[in-house]
C-alpha atoms as a PDB file:
ATOM      1  CA  UNK A   1       6.883 -36.339 -23.875  1.00  0.00           C
ATOM      2  CA  UNK A   2       7.497 -32.638 -22.891  1.00  0.00           C
ATOM      3  CA  UNK A   3       8.013 -31.842 -19.106  1.00  0.00           C
ATOM      4  CA  UNK A   4       5.146 -30.458 -17.335  1.00  0.00           C
ATOM      5  CA  UNK A   5       5.636 -26.906 -15.767  1.00  0.00           C
ATOM      6  CA  UNK A   6       6.338 -26.583 -12.314  1.00  0.00           C
ATOM      7  CA  UNK A   7       3.838 -23.730 -10.626  1.00  0.00           C
ATOM      8  CA  UNK A   8       4.376 -22.305  -7.029  1.00  0.00           C
ATOM      9  CA  UNK A   9       1.393 -21.543  -4.969  1.00  0.00           C
ATOM     10  CA  UNK A  10       2.059 -19.679  -1.451  1.00  0.00           C
ATOM     11  CA  UNK A  11      -0.163 -21.509   1.168  1.00  0.00           C
ATOM     12  CA  UNK A  12      -2.328 -19.658   3.920  1.00  0.00           C
ATOM     13  CA  UNK A  13      -1.450 -20.115   7.564  1.00  0.00           C
ATOM     14  CA  UNK A  14      -3.439 -21.247  10.127  1.00  0.00           C
ATOM     15  CA  UNK A  15      -1.686 -19.239  13.113  1.00  0.00           C
ATOM     16  CA  UNK A  16      -3.708 -20.607  15.666  1.00  0.00           C
ATOM     17  CA  UNK A  17      -2.550 -24.256  14.971  1.00  0.00           C
ATOM     18  CA  UNK A  18       0.774 -23.479  13.410  1.00  0.00           C
ATOM     19  CA  UNK A  19       0.065 -25.429  10.044  1.00  0.00           C
ATOM     20  CA  UNK A  20       0.085 -24.242   6.402  1.00  0.00           C
ATOM     21  CA  UNK A  21      -2.923 -25.282   4.124  1.00  0.00           C
ATOM     22  CA  UNK A  22      -4.510 -24.369   0.830  1.00  0.00           C
ATOM     23  CA  UNK A  23      -7.742 -24.846  -1.009  1.00  0.00           C
ATOM     24  CA  UNK A  24      -7.513 -27.912  -3.066  1.00  0.00           C
ATOM     25  CA  UNK A  25      -8.937 -26.358  -6.191  1.00  0.00           C
ATOM     26  CA  UNK A  26      -5.868 -24.521  -6.964  1.00  0.00           C
ATOM     27  CA  UNK A  27      -4.087 -27.902  -7.220  1.00  0.00           C
ATOM     28  CA  UNK A  28      -6.817 -29.665  -9.044  1.00  0.00           C
ATOM     29  CA  UNK A  29      -7.203 -26.771 -11.758  1.00  0.00           C
ATOM     30  CA  UNK A  30      -3.494 -26.193 -12.410  1.00  0.00           C
ATOM     31  CA  UNK A  31      -3.190 -30.064 -12.748  1.00  0.00           C
ATOM     32  CA  UNK A  32      -6.018 -30.291 -15.239  1.00  0.00           C
ATOM     33  CA  UNK A  33      -4.674 -27.701 -17.187  1.00  0.00           C
ATOM     34  CA  UNK A  34      -1.303 -29.694 -17.535  1.00  0.00           C
ATOM     35  CA  UNK A  35       0.942 -28.195 -14.475  1.00  0.00           C
ATOM     36  CA  UNK A  36       2.329 -29.563 -11.535  1.00  0.00           C
ATOM     37  CA  UNK A  37       1.227 -27.407  -8.577  1.00  0.00           C
ATOM     38  CA  UNK A  38       4.122 -27.064  -6.032  1.00  0.00           C
ATOM     39  CA  UNK A  39       2.728 -25.608  -2.756  1.00  0.00           C
ATOM     40  CA  UNK A  40       4.946 -23.151  -1.115  1.00  0.00           C
ATOM     41  CA  UNK A  41       5.258 -22.425   2.586  1.00  0.00           C
ATOM     42  CA  UNK A  42       5.437 -19.040   3.781  1.00  0.00           C
ATOM     43  CA  UNK A  43       8.965 -18.386   4.683  1.00  0.00           C
ATOM     44  CA  UNK A  44       9.751 -14.513   4.173  1.00  0.00           C
ATOM     45  CA  UNK A  45      13.535 -14.630   3.338  1.00  0.00           C
ATOM     46  CA  UNK A  46      14.875 -12.907   0.123  1.00  0.00           C
ATOM     47  CA  UNK A  47      17.210 -16.368  -0.455  1.00  0.00           C
ATOM     48  CA  UNK A  48      14.321 -18.489  -0.018  1.00  0.00           C
ATOM     49  CA  UNK A  49      12.336 -16.657  -2.803  1.00  0.00           C
ATOM     50  CA  UNK A  50      15.396 -16.687  -5.157  1.00  0.00           C
ATOM     51  CA  UNK A  51      15.972 -20.413  -4.849  1.00  0.00           C
ATOM     52  CA  UNK A  52      12.177 -21.092  -5.091  1.00  0.00           C
ATOM     53  CA  UNK A  53      11.392 -19.187  -8.059  1.00  0.00           C
ATOM     54  CA  UNK A  54      14.650 -20.775  -9.873  1.00  0.00           C
ATOM     55  CA  UNK A  55      13.413 -23.785  -9.503  1.00  0.00           C
ATOM     56  CA  UNK A  56      10.025 -23.079 -10.902  1.00  0.00           C
ATOM     57  CA  UNK A  57       8.398 -22.270 -14.114  1.00  0.00           C
ATOM     58  CA  UNK A  58       5.689 -19.753 -12.879  1.00  0.00           C
ATOM     59  CA  UNK A  59       3.972 -18.686  -9.646  1.00  0.00           C
ATOM     60  CA  UNK A  60       0.378 -18.491  -8.770  1.00  0.00           C
ATOM     61  CA  UNK A  61      -0.506 -15.848  -6.089  1.00  0.00           C
ATOM     62  CA  UNK A  62      -3.515 -17.295  -4.294  1.00  0.00           C
ATOM     63  CA  UNK A  63      -6.170 -15.891  -2.090  1.00  0.00           C
ATOM     64  CA  UNK A  64      -5.563 -15.539   1.580  1.00  0.00           C
ATOM     65  CA  UNK A  65      -7.506 -15.246   4.953  1.00  0.00           C
ATOM     66  CA  UNK A  66      -5.846 -12.064   5.705  1.00  0.00           C
ATOM     67  CA  UNK A  67      -5.593  -8.429   4.457  1.00  0.00           C
ATOM     68  CA  UNK A  68      -2.558  -6.592   3.060  1.00  0.00           C
ATOM     69  CA  UNK A  69      -0.974  -4.086   5.776  1.00  0.00           C
ATOM     70  CA  UNK A  70      -2.462  -0.819   4.862  1.00  0.00           C
ATOM     71  CA  UNK A  71       0.915   0.664   5.860  1.00  0.00           C
ATOM     72  CA  UNK A  72       2.503  -0.883   3.076  1.00  0.00           C
ATOM     73  CA  UNK A  73       0.291   1.658   0.897  1.00  0.00           C
ATOM     74  CA  UNK A  74       0.585   4.572   3.293  1.00  0.00           C
ATOM     75  CA  UNK A  75      -2.652   4.173   5.293  1.00  0.00           C
ATOM     76  CA  UNK A  76      -3.919   3.661   8.769  1.00  0.00           C
ATOM     77  CA  UNK A  77      -5.843   0.572   9.234  1.00  0.00           C
ATOM     78  CA  UNK A  78      -9.483   0.936   8.914  1.00  0.00           C
ATOM     79  CA  UNK A  79     -12.160  -0.169  11.528  1.00  0.00           C
ATOM     80  CA  UNK A  80     -13.284  -3.039   9.422  1.00  0.00           C
ATOM     81  CA  UNK A  81      -9.837  -4.247   7.951  1.00  0.00           C
ATOM     82  CA  UNK A  82      -9.249  -8.084   8.680  1.00  0.00           C
ATOM     83  CA  UNK A  83      -6.352  -9.960   9.971  1.00  0.00           C
ATOM     84  CA  UNK A  84      -3.003  -8.822   8.916  1.00  0.00           C
ATOM     85  CA  UNK A  85      -0.645 -11.842   8.494  1.00  0.00           C
ATOM     86  CA  UNK A  86       3.044 -10.219   8.054  1.00  0.00           C
ATOM     87  CA  UNK A  87       4.507 -13.505   7.142  1.00  0.00           C
ATOM     88  CA  UNK A  88       2.138 -14.040   4.037  1.00  0.00           C
ATOM     89  CA  UNK A  89       2.668 -10.194   2.939  1.00  0.00           C
ATOM     90  CA  UNK A  90       6.365 -10.579   2.845  1.00  0.00           C
ATOM     91  CA  UNK A  91       6.553 -14.010   1.344  1.00  0.00           C
ATOM     92  CA  UNK A  92       4.582 -12.843  -1.553  1.00  0.00           C
ATOM     93  CA  UNK A  93       6.559  -9.436  -1.781  1.00  0.00           C
ATOM     94  CA  UNK A  94       9.808 -11.464  -2.197  1.00  0.00           C
ATOM     95  CA  UNK A  95       8.331 -13.977  -4.662  1.00  0.00           C
ATOM     96  CA  UNK A  96       7.372 -10.965  -6.634  1.00  0.00           C
ATOM     97  CA  UNK A  97      10.713  -9.291  -6.695  1.00  0.00           C
ATOM     98  CA  UNK A  98      11.902 -12.803  -8.277  1.00  0.00           C
ATOM     99  CA  UNK A  99       9.065 -12.753 -10.775  1.00  0.00           C
ATOM    100  CA  UNK A 100       9.945  -9.260 -11.905  1.00  0.00           C
ATOM    101  CA  UNK A 101      13.552  -9.872 -12.219  1.00  0.00           C
ATOM    102  CA  UNK A 102      12.847 -13.255 -14.335  1.00  0.00           C
ATOM    103  CA  UNK A 103       9.940 -12.336 -16.224  1.00  0.00           C
ATOM    104  CA  UNK A 104       8.387 -15.629 -15.404  1.00  0.00           C
ATOM    105  CA  UNK A 105       4.771 -16.013 -15.723  1.00  0.00           C
ATOM    106  CA  UNK A 106       2.443 -15.020 -12.986  1.00  0.00           C
ATOM    107  CA  UNK A 107      -1.207 -15.232 -12.025  1.00  0.00           C
ATOM    108  CA  UNK A 108      -2.870 -13.530  -9.127  1.00  0.00           C
ATOM    109  CA  UNK A 109      -5.888 -14.424  -7.635  1.00  0.00           C
ATOM    110  CA  UNK A 110      -7.927 -12.387  -5.160  1.00  0.00           C
ATOM    111  CA  UNK A 111      -5.381 -11.552  -2.137  1.00  0.00           C
ATOM    112  CA  UNK A 112      -2.892 -12.207  -4.849  1.00  0.00           C
ATOM    113  CA  UNK A 113      -4.058  -9.388  -7.138  1.00  0.00           C
ATOM    114  CA  UNK A 114      -4.204  -6.710  -4.242  1.00  0.00           C
ATOM    115  CA  UNK A 115      -0.654  -7.434  -3.167  1.00  0.00           C
ATOM    116  CA  UNK A 116       0.797  -7.391  -6.675  1.00  0.00           C
ATOM    117  CA  UNK A 117      -1.201  -3.663  -6.957  1.00  0.00           C
ATOM    118  CA  UNK A 118       0.473  -2.663  -3.724  1.00  0.00           C
ATOM    119  CA  UNK A 119       3.719  -4.114  -4.695  1.00  0.00           C
ATOM    120  CA  UNK A 120       3.811  -2.095  -7.781  1.00  0.00           C
ATOM    121  CA  UNK A 121       2.754   1.288  -6.164  1.00  0.00           C
ATOM    122  CA  UNK A 122      -0.930   1.095  -5.968  1.00  0.00           C
ATOM    123  CA  UNK A 123      -3.469   1.624  -3.244  1.00  0.00           C
ATOM    124  CA  UNK A 124      -6.674  -0.802  -1.999  1.00  0.00           C
ATOM    125  CA  UNK A 125     -10.057  -0.024  -0.559  1.00  0.00           C
ATOM    126  CA  UNK A 126      -9.641  -1.249   2.933  1.00  0.00           C
ATOM    127  CA  UNK A 127     -13.284  -2.288   3.093  1.00  0.00           C
ATOM    128  CA  UNK A 128     -15.617  -1.979  -0.018  1.00  0.00           C
ATOM    129  CA  UNK A 129     -18.936  -2.145   1.550  1.00  0.00           C
ATOM    130  CA  UNK A 130     -18.262   0.941   3.879  1.00  0.00           C
ATOM    131  CA  UNK A 131     -16.082   3.064   1.668  1.00  0.00           C
ATOM    132  CA  UNK A 132     -17.316   2.667  -1.975  1.00  0.00           C
ATOM    133  CA  UNK A 133     -20.818   4.324  -2.649  1.00  0.00           C
ATOM    134  CA  UNK A 134     -23.498   1.896  -3.962  1.00  0.00           C
ATOM    135  CA  UNK A 135     -21.206  -1.032  -3.942  1.00  0.00           C
ATOM    136  CA  UNK A 136     -22.617  -4.443  -5.035  1.00  0.00           C
ATOM    137  CA  UNK A 137     -22.269  -7.387  -2.715  1.00  0.00           C
ATOM    138  CA  UNK A 138     -18.520  -8.800  -3.109  1.00  0.00           C
ATOM    139  CA  UNK A 139     -18.682 -11.112  -0.048  1.00  0.00           C
ATOM    140  CA  UNK A 140     -21.249 -13.551  -1.516  1.00  0.00           C
ATOM    141  CA  UNK A 141     -22.650 -15.879   1.005  1.00  0.00           C
ATOM    142  CA  UNK A 142     -24.389 -18.607  -1.407  1.00  0.00           C
ATOM    143  CA  UNK A 143     -22.781 -21.667  -3.151  1.00  0.00           C
ATOM    144  CA  UNK A 144     -19.104 -21.192  -3.772  1.00  0.00           C
ATOM    145  CA  UNK A 145     -19.334 -21.860  -7.502  1.00  0.00           C
ATOM    146  CA  UNK A 146     -22.430 -19.337  -7.843  1.00  0.00           C
ATOM    147  CA  UNK A 147     -21.320 -16.533 -10.148  1.00  0.00           C
ATOM    148  CA  UNK A 148     -22.919 -13.713  -8.290  1.00  0.00           C
ATOM    149  CA  UNK A 149     -22.138 -10.354 -10.227  1.00  0.00           C
ATOM    150  CA  UNK A 150     -21.346  -9.242 -13.644  1.00  0.00           C
ATOM    151  CA  UNK A 151     -18.062  -7.788 -14.703  1.00  0.00           C
ATOM    152  CA  UNK A 152     -17.421  -5.717 -17.875  1.00  0.00           C
ATOM    153  CA  UNK A 153     -14.210  -6.792 -19.580  1.00  0.00           C
ATOM    154  CA  UNK A 154     -12.443  -4.206 -21.578  1.00  0.00           C
ATOM    155  CA  UNK A 155     -11.084  -4.846 -25.271  1.00  0.00           C
ATOM    156  CA  UNK A 156      -7.723  -5.453 -26.433  1.00  0.00           C
ATOM    157  CA  UNK A 157      -7.085  -7.251 -23.241  1.00  0.00           C
ATOM    158  CA  UNK A 158      -5.811 -10.860 -22.651  1.00  0.00           C
ATOM    159  CA  UNK A 159      -8.841 -11.011 -20.585  1.00  0.00           C
ATOM    160  CA  UNK A 160     -11.149 -10.120 -23.391  1.00  0.00           C
ATOM    161  CA  UNK A 161      -9.470 -12.515 -25.628  1.00  0.00           C
ATOM    162  CA  UNK A 162      -9.803 -15.231 -23.195  1.00  0.00           C
ATOM    163  CA  UNK A 163     -13.512 -14.599 -22.108  1.00  0.00           C
ATOM    164  CA  UNK A 164     -14.785 -14.001 -25.746  1.00  0.00           C
ATOM    165  CA  UNK A 165     -17.421 -11.535 -24.131  1.00  0.00           C
ATOM    166  CA  UNK A 166     -17.623  -8.114 -22.924  1.00  0.00           C
ATOM    167  CA  UNK A 167     -19.750  -8.887 -20.383  1.00  0.00           C
ATOM    168  CA  UNK A 168     -19.638 -12.047 -17.917  1.00  0.00           C
ATOM    169  CA  UNK A 169     -20.267 -13.090 -14.514  1.00  0.00           C
ATOM    170  CA  UNK A 170     -17.725 -14.200 -11.869  1.00  0.00           C
ATOM    171  CA  UNK A 171     -17.942 -15.277  -8.078  1.00  0.00           C
ATOM    172  CA  UNK A 172     -16.972 -13.218  -5.338  1.00  0.00           C
ATOM    173  CA  UNK A 173     -15.205 -13.710  -2.132  1.00  0.00           C
ATOM    174  CA  UNK A 174     -13.164 -10.223  -0.848  1.00  0.00           C
ATOM    175  CA  UNK A 175     -13.862  -7.245   1.167  1.00  0.00           C
ATOM    176  CA  UNK A 176     -10.803  -5.316  -0.031  1.00  0.00           C
ATOM    177  CA  UNK A 177      -9.981  -4.375  -3.653  1.00  0.00           C
ATOM    178  CA  UNK A 178      -7.780  -2.150  -5.826  1.00  0.00           C
ATOM    179  CA  UNK A 179      -8.441   1.670  -5.257  1.00  0.00           C
ATOM    180  CA  UNK A 180      -5.767   3.197  -7.139  1.00  0.00           C
ATOM    181  CA  UNK A 181      -4.056   1.060  -9.944  1.00  0.00           C
ATOM    182  CA  UNK A 182      -0.430   0.801  -9.922  1.00  0.00           C
ATOM    183  CA  UNK A 183       1.292   2.767 -12.847  1.00  0.00           C
ATOM    184  CA  UNK A 184       2.652   0.006 -14.436  1.00  0.00           C
ATOM    185  CA  UNK A 185      -0.927  -2.005 -14.355  1.00  0.00           C
ATOM    186  CA  UNK A 186      -4.053  -1.202 -16.391  1.00  0.00           C
ATOM    187  CA  UNK A 187      -7.522  -2.358 -15.150  1.00  0.00           C
ATOM    188  CA  UNK A 188      -8.992  -4.806 -17.963  1.00  0.00           C
ATOM    189  CA  UNK A 189     -12.434  -5.560 -16.131  1.00  0.00           C
ATOM    190  CA  UNK A 190     -14.774  -3.632 -13.623  1.00  0.00           C
ATOM    191  CA  UNK A 191     -17.861  -4.527 -11.759  1.00  0.00           C
ATOM    192  CA  UNK A 192     -21.119  -2.507 -12.015  1.00  0.00           C
ATOM    193  CA  UNK A 193     -19.939  -0.217  -9.157  1.00  0.00           C
ATOM    194  CA  UNK A 194     -16.620   0.700 -10.438  1.00  0.00           C
ATOM    195  CA  UNK A 195     -14.473  -1.855  -8.410  1.00  0.00           C
ATOM    196  CA  UNK A 196     -11.576  -3.280 -10.485  1.00  0.00           C
ATOM    197  CA  UNK A 197     -11.806  -7.115 -11.474  1.00  0.00           C
ATOM    198  CA  UNK A 198      -8.799  -7.581 -13.253  1.00  0.00           C
ATOM    199  CA  UNK A 199      -5.551  -6.165 -14.173  1.00  0.00           C
ATOM    200  CA  UNK A 200      -2.703  -6.866 -16.721  1.00  0.00           C
ATOM    201  CA  UNK A 201       0.505  -4.945 -17.308  1.00  0.00           C
ATOM    202  CA  UNK A 202      -0.022  -1.702 -19.042  1.00  0.00           C
ATOM    203  CA  UNK A 203       3.015  -2.182 -21.623  1.00  0.00           C
ATOM    204  CA  UNK A 204       3.708  -6.113 -21.573  1.00  0.00           C
ATOM    205  CA  UNK A 205       6.685  -7.425 -22.989  1.00  0.00           C
ATOM    206  CA  UNK A 206       5.923  -9.660 -25.998  1.00  0.00           C
ATOM    207  CA  UNK A 207       4.984 -13.329 -24.664  1.00  0.00           C
ATOM    208  CA  UNK A 208       5.111 -12.021 -21.212  1.00  0.00           C
ATOM    209  CA  UNK A 209       1.927 -13.523 -19.070  1.00  0.00           C
ATOM    210  CA  UNK A 210       0.702 -11.392 -16.239  1.00  0.00           C
ATOM    211  CA  UNK A 211      -2.867 -11.546 -15.168  1.00  0.00           C
ATOM    212  CA  UNK A 212      -4.662 -10.588 -11.763  1.00  0.00           C
ATOM    213  CA  UNK A 213      -8.469 -11.227 -10.936  1.00  0.00           C
ATOM    214  CA  UNK A 214     -10.416 -10.348  -7.964  1.00  0.00           C
ATOM    215  CA  UNK A 215     -12.626 -13.226  -8.242  1.00  0.00           C
ATOM    216  CA  UNK A 216     -11.867 -16.905  -7.716  1.00  0.00           C
ATOM    217  CA  UNK A 217     -11.491 -18.944 -11.017  1.00  0.00           C
ATOM    218  CA  UNK A 218     -10.427 -22.012  -9.112  1.00  0.00           C
ATOM    219  CA  UNK A 219     -13.762 -22.250  -7.861  1.00  0.00           C
ATOM    220  CA  UNK A 220     -16.160 -24.088 -10.096  1.00  0.00           C
ATOM    221  CA  UNK A 221     -13.567 -24.385 -12.693  1.00  0.00           C
ATOM    222  CA  UNK A 222     -14.948 -27.744 -13.747  1.00  0.00           C
ATOM    223  CA  UNK A 223     -18.065 -26.056 -15.325  1.00  0.00           C
ATOM    224  CA  UNK A 224     -16.683 -22.532 -16.306  1.00  0.00           C
ATOM    225  CA  UNK A 225     -15.287 -21.987 -19.661  1.00  0.00           C
ATOM    226  CA  UNK A 226     -13.487 -18.810 -18.742  1.00  0.00           C
ATOM    227  CA  UNK A 227     -11.747 -20.334 -15.710  1.00  0.00           C
ATOM    228  CA  UNK A 228     -10.459 -23.248 -17.758  1.00  0.00           C
ATOM    229  CA  UNK A 229      -9.026 -20.758 -20.293  1.00  0.00           C
ATOM    230  CA  UNK A 230      -7.358 -18.901 -17.620  1.00  0.00           C
ATOM    231  CA  UNK A 231      -5.405 -21.673 -16.033  1.00  0.00           C
ATOM    232  CA  UNK A 232      -5.074 -23.399 -19.665  1.00  0.00           C
ATOM    233  CA  UNK A 233      -3.240 -20.064 -21.075  1.00  0.00           C
ATOM    234  CA  UNK A 234      -1.252 -19.743 -17.876  1.00  0.00           C
ATOM    235  CA  UNK A 235       0.082 -23.370 -17.918  1.00  0.00           C
ATOM    236  CA  UNK A 236       0.907 -22.832 -21.445  1.00  0.00           C
ATOM    237  CA  UNK A 237       2.824 -19.647 -20.758  1.00  0.00           C
ATOM    238  CA  UNK A 238       4.806 -21.610 -17.883  1.00  0.00           C
ATOM    239  CA  UNK A 239       5.603 -24.415 -20.393  1.00  0.00           C
ATOM    240  CA  UNK A 240       6.923 -21.936 -22.796  1.00  0.00           C
ATOM    241  CA  UNK A 241       8.734 -19.894 -20.480  1.00  0.00           C
ATOM    242  CA  UNK A 242       9.551 -15.992 -20.802  1.00  0.00           C
ATOM    243  CA  UNK A 243      10.914 -15.198 -24.381  1.00  0.00           C
END
């Protein structure tokens, strides 16, 4: 029987109680898709990231209870910016260094896609509601699994291949989003107000898996076909390894 791939997922940090934690659905979705989730503590050191990525088959950059430090993309903080957790920023950035050196599969969710975009030279809307005209509601307050707004998926993309649709609906739990897409990325889905909802590599290498989504496919994955396909394809790529 083939070994199941090991997939690292950075934790959140509860600074007030000095503990790491992570929503359980990440582990459940990865395990159901055939992967072994490995929870990663936030240790912002290059040698740590090197050793961790060497021993893993893929990385999933998870959501966070924080915002990316705006100084990382050349801006001062907006009045409505949330908390900044430098420990999370720096850990993710070191992990991204190693992922791009090794070519291992990468799935980025919510905060994860935002810091990916910043890492590659893009910028963010610091607060969608106050900065984007006629924005739809991106911080839903209903049931977590409720798919609250539509997205339009662009053709000839991995996401289009997985979704099988040009229009679908997703859940939404964010107040920041990609503003300027990084040069090496391309937007592959948008919400009705023009917010980038997914990115992929502009010129992907053969067999390379990199997908970033602004919504949370781990929430409600049990009943959502697109979520299941995202995790299944990601785990399959992790099992195959970079070509």
